[in-house]
């Protein structure tokens, strides 16, 4: 094996391992998140009352479920896609583009879902626990809407950047 072949082999394993490791870290975070939701003592029991109460508490539940699906499943799917493409097609994928997309996606997913969970917990707490008027809850949540839009856009940009090499390879087949 020549030096350049060895370097390409190292890059191949690094790319899909990077996504796989992010997936495993996200599933660990999801497990911790699950424990926080189901712990049977205060203050953790408030989270279940917030979720069951509906309204903005559903945002918290949505963030939790999306973290499991995207944080674990999405990163694992991208890991498999890069591994499969490189092993089956023997095509080297540009790792600089993937690195950029990976970090944008990783940061975007976690910031988006944490922001969504915090907004849901806060809104649900005020609505379902403190029984604040709906208008007060709306005033609490409204400043979080535009930042959520921004981090959602960042997350989508990261995902699209990660998919560029995959789409290029599929287009050439």
Protein backbone atom coordinates (compact mmCIF):
# COMPACT_ATOMS: atom_id res chain seq x y z
CA UNK A 1 0.00 0.00 0.00
CA UNK A 2 1.39 3.37 -1.00
CA UNK A 3 1.41 6.43 1.24
CA UNK A 4 -1.50 8.07 -0.62
CA UNK A 5 -3.56 4.85 -0.48
CA UNK A 6 -2.93 4.61 3.26
CA UNK A 7 -3.92 8.24 3.72
CA UNK A 8 -7.16 7.68 1.75
CA UNK A 9 -7.94 4.54 3.80
CA UNK A 10 -7.42 6.51 7.02
CA UNK A 11 -9.70 9.32 5.76
CA UNK A 12 -12.39 6.78 4.82
CA UNK A 13 -12.46 5.22 8.26
CA UNK A 14 -12.27 8.64 9.96
CA UNK A 15 -15.34 10.03 8.19
CA UNK A 16 -17.80 7.30 9.05
CA UNK A 17 -16.30 6.86 12.54
CA UNK A 18 -16.82 10.58 13.19
CA UNK A 19 -20.54 10.28 12.40
CA UNK A 20 -20.85 7.01 14.30
CA UNK A 21 -19.21 8.50 17.40
CA UNK A 22 -21.53 11.53 17.24
CA UNK A 23 -24.45 9.12 17.04
CA UNK A 24 -23.28 7.22 20.11
CA UNK A 25 -22.74 10.44 22.07
CA UNK A 26 -26.23 11.63 21.12
CA UNK A 27 -27.83 8.35 22.19
CA UNK A 28 -26.03 8.63 25.55
CA UNK A 29 -27.43 12.16 25.92
CA UNK A 30 -30.88 10.82 25.01
CA UNK A 31 -30.60 8.15 27.70
CA UNK A 32 -29.73 10.80 30.28
CA UNK A 33 -32.62 12.92 29.02
CA UNK A 34 -34.96 9.94 29.42
CA UNK A 35 -33.81 9.45 33.00
CA UNK A 36 -34.44 13.11 33.81
CA UNK A 37 -37.99 12.80 32.45
CA UNK A 38 -38.89 9.61 34.30
CA UNK A 39 -37.17 10.10 37.67
CA UNK A 40 -39.93 9.74 40.28
CA UNK A 41 -38.97 12.59 42.61
CA UNK A 42 -39.07 16.39 42.61
CA UNK A 43 -38.18 18.46 40.60
CA UNK A 44 -38.16 15.86 37.83
CA UNK A 45 -41.82 14.88 38.18
CA UNK A 46 -42.70 18.40 37.03
CA UNK A 47 -41.44 17.53 33.53
CA UNK A 48 -44.03 14.79 33.12
CA UNK A 49 -46.79 17.15 34.26
CA UNK A 50 -45.51 19.74 31.77
CA UNK A 51 -45.51 17.22 28.91
CA UNK A 52 -48.90 15.72 29.76
CA UNK A 53 -50.40 19.19 30.21
CA UNK A 54 -49.95 19.87 26.51
CA UNK A 55 -49.46 23.31 25.00
CA UNK A 56 -45.82 24.38 24.93
CA UNK A 57 -44.90 21.30 26.96
CA UNK A 58 -45.26 19.38 23.72
CA UNK A 59 -42.26 21.35 22.41
CA UNK A 60 -40.18 19.68 25.10
CA UNK A 61 -41.43 16.24 24.07
CA UNK A 62 -40.84 17.04 20.41
CA UNK A 63 -37.25 18.11 21.14
CA UNK A 64 -36.68 14.89 23.07
CA UNK A 65 -38.03 12.68 20.28
CA UNK A 66 -36.16 14.59 17.58
CA UNK A 67 -32.95 14.24 19.55
CA UNK A 68 -33.37 10.48 19.51
CA UNK A 69 -34.34 10.32 15.83
CA UNK A 70 -31.90 12.88 14.41
CA UNK A 71 -29.19 12.76 17.05
CA UNK A 72 -28.89 9.00 16.86
CA UNK A 73 -30.59 7.86 13.69
CA UNK A 74 -29.52 10.71 11.43
CA UNK A 75 -25.86 10.60 12.34
CA UNK A 76 -25.84 6.78 12.16
CA UNK A 77 -27.49 6.90 8.72
CA UNK A 78 -24.88 9.36 7.45
CA UNK A 79 -22.12 7.15 8.87
CA UNK A 80 -23.56 4.18 7.02
CA UNK A 81 -24.00 6.19 3.81
CA UNK A 82 -20.36 7.29 3.73
CA UNK A 83 -19.11 3.84 4.64
CA UNK A 84 -21.31 2.17 2.03
CA UNK A 85 -20.41 4.61 -0.74
CA UNK A 86 -16.69 4.43 -0.09
CA UNK A 87 -16.61 0.65 0.27
CA UNK A 88 -18.93 -0.18 -2.64
CA UNK A 89 -17.97 2.49 -5.15
CA UNK A 90 -14.32 2.86 -4.09
CA UNK A 91 -14.74 6.63 -4.50
CA UNK A 92 -12.90 8.95 -2.15
CA UNK A 93 -15.17 11.57 -0.58
CA UNK A 94 -13.89 15.10 0.07
CA UNK A 95 -13.46 15.13 3.84
CA UNK A 96 -13.14 18.92 4.18
CA UNK A 97 -16.71 19.43 2.98
CA UNK A 98 -17.91 16.63 5.23
CA UNK A 99 -16.03 18.04 8.24
CA UNK A 100 -17.65 21.43 7.71
CA UNK A 101 -21.11 19.92 7.34
CA UNK A 102 -20.58 17.59 10.29
CA UNK A 103 -19.72 20.34 12.76
CA UNK A 104 -22.46 22.64 11.50
CA UNK A 105 -24.97 19.78 11.75
CA UNK A 106 -23.76 18.64 15.17
CA UNK A 107 -23.91 22.13 16.64
CA UNK A 108 -27.16 22.95 14.86
CA UNK A 109 -28.98 19.80 16.01
CA UNK A 110 -27.95 20.16 19.63
CA UNK A 111 -28.53 23.91 19.92
CA UNK A 112 -31.89 23.67 18.13
CA UNK A 113 -33.17 20.85 20.26
CA UNK A 114 -31.88 22.27 23.54
CA UNK A 115 -33.48 25.62 22.72
CA UNK A 116 -36.74 23.91 21.79
CA UNK A 117 -36.68 21.84 24.99
CA UNK A 118 -35.98 24.88 27.18
CA UNK A 119 -38.77 26.84 25.48
CA UNK A 120 -41.18 23.93 25.92
CA UNK A 121 -40.24 23.41 29.56
CA UNK A 122 -40.54 27.11 30.36
CA UNK A 123 -43.81 27.60 28.51
CA UNK A 124 -45.26 24.38 29.86
CA UNK A 125 -44.21 25.28 33.40
CA UNK A 126 -45.88 28.67 33.24
CA UNK A 127 -49.01 27.31 31.55
CA UNK A 128 -49.53 23.96 33.29
CA UNK A 129 -47.87 24.38 36.69
CA UNK A 130 -48.26 28.08 37.49
CA UNK A 131 -51.50 28.39 35.46
CA UNK A 132 -50.36 31.69 33.96
CA UNK A 133 -52.63 33.31 31.37
CA UNK A 134 -52.01 32.20 27.79
CA UNK A 135 -51.01 35.73 26.80
CA UNK A 136 -48.21 35.71 29.42
CA UNK A 137 -46.98 32.34 28.14
CA UNK A 138 -46.99 33.68 24.58
CA UNK A 139 -44.93 36.68 25.71
CA UNK A 140 -42.41 34.31 27.32
CA UNK A 141 -42.11 32.10 24.23
CA UNK A 142 -42.19 34.71 21.48
CA UNK A 143 -38.56 35.86 21.93
CA UNK A 144 -37.44 32.26 21.34
CA UNK A 145 -39.16 31.82 17.97
CA UNK A 146 -36.68 33.70 15.76
CA UNK A 147 -33.59 32.14 17.38
CA UNK A 148 -35.22 28.74 16.83
CA UNK A 149 -35.74 29.60 13.16
CA UNK A 150 -32.08 30.59 12.85
CA UNK A 151 -30.68 27.43 14.44
CA UNK A 152 -33.10 25.30 12.39
CA UNK A 153 -31.71 26.95 9.26
CA UNK A 154 -28.15 26.25 10.46
CA UNK A 155 -29.07 22.59 11.08
CA UNK A 156 -30.58 22.23 7.61
CA UNK A 157 -27.51 23.89 6.05
CA UNK A 158 -25.25 21.40 7.86
CA UNK A 159 -27.33 18.45 6.67
CA UNK A 160 -27.28 19.69 3.08
CA UNK A 161 -23.51 20.22 3.19
CA UNK A 162 -23.11 16.65 4.48
CA UNK A 163 -25.24 15.36 1.61
CA UNK A 164 -23.38 17.22 -1.17
CA UNK A 165 -20.69 14.52 -1.60
CA UNK A 166 -23.30 11.76 -1.48
CA UNK A 167 -25.43 13.45 -4.15
CA UNK A 168 -22.38 14.05 -6.37
CA UNK A 169 -21.47 10.37 -6.21
CA UNK A 170 -25.03 9.24 -6.91
CA UNK A 171 -25.31 11.66 -9.83
CA UNK A 172 -22.20 10.23 -11.49
CA UNK A 173 -23.51 6.65 -11.39
